[in-house]
């Protein structure tokens, strides 16, 4: 499963996801599908450090 290779630290995960969104994916949904992620769990993990997905900028802010 690809998810196992993603950073476990929320700040590192944030950086990785935002970089991927900027460079490779048009939306978080596209990213989550490509990496076989539980999108809700990932958003909750990033929400724990006060970041939410903003589709207008395609980044967690």
Protein backbone atom coordinates (compact mmCIF):
# COMPACT_ATOMS: atom_id res chain seq x y z
CA UNK A 1 0.00 0.00 0.00
CA UNK A 2 1.43 3.36 -1.02
CA UNK A 3 0.12 5.11 2.12
CA UNK A 4 2.72 3.27 4.22
CA UNK A 5 5.47 5.17 2.43
CA UNK A 6 4.11 8.63 3.25
CA UNK A 7 5.57 10.62 6.15
CA UNK A 8 3.97 9.87 9.52
CA UNK A 9 4.87 13.24 11.05
CA UNK A 10 1.96 15.62 10.28
CA UNK A 11 4.22 18.56 9.35
CA UNK A 12 6.25 16.42 6.97
CA UNK A 13 3.03 14.96 5.57
CA UNK A 14 1.71 18.47 5.00
CA UNK A 15 4.84 19.44 3.11
CA UNK A 16 4.78 16.30 0.99
CA UNK A 17 1.09 16.60 0.11
CA UNK A 18 1.26 20.31 -0.72
CA UNK A 19 4.27 19.70 -2.95
CA UNK A 20 2.46 16.88 -4.73
CA UNK A 21 -0.66 19.01 -5.13
CA UNK A 22 1.37 21.89 -6.54
CA UNK A 23 3.41 19.77 -8.94
CA UNK A 24 1.30 16.77 -9.93
CA UNK A 25 -2.38 16.78 -8.95
CA UNK A 26 -5.33 19.02 -9.78
CA UNK A 27 -7.11 18.25 -6.50
CA UNK A 28 -6.71 16.52 -3.16
CA UNK A 29 -9.21 13.92 -4.36
CA UNK A 30 -6.93 13.08 -7.31
CA UNK A 31 -3.95 12.82 -4.96
CA UNK A 32 -5.83 10.65 -2.45
CA UNK A 33 -6.99 8.30 -5.21
CA UNK A 34 -3.49 8.00 -6.68
CA UNK A 35 -1.98 7.17 -3.27
CA UNK A 36 -4.90 4.98 -2.14
CA UNK A 37 -5.40 7.19 0.91
CA UNK A 38 -8.22 7.39 3.37
CA UNK A 39 -8.89 11.03 2.51
CA UNK A 40 -10.90 11.72 5.66
CA UNK A 41 -8.20 10.29 7.95
CA UNK A 42 -5.53 12.31 6.13
CA UNK A 43 -7.55 15.50 6.39
CA UNK A 44 -8.11 14.78 10.11
CA UNK A 45 -4.37 14.31 10.65
CA UNK A 46 -3.64 17.64 8.99
CA UNK A 47 -6.58 19.25 10.79
CA UNK A 48 -4.90 18.28 14.06
CA UNK A 49 -2.16 20.78 13.20
CA UNK A 50 -4.75 23.37 12.07
CA UNK A 51 -4.54 22.87 8.31
CA UNK A 52 -7.53 22.38 6.03
CA UNK A 53 -7.73 21.78 2.31
CA UNK A 54 -8.60 24.84 0.25
CA UNK A 55 -9.68 23.76 -3.25
CA UNK A 56 -9.38 27.30 -4.62
CA UNK A 57 -5.60 27.17 -4.18
CA UNK A 58 -5.31 23.35 -4.21
CA UNK A 59 -3.28 23.38 -0.99
CA UNK A 60 -3.67 22.70 2.70
CA UNK A 61 -3.55 26.10 4.37
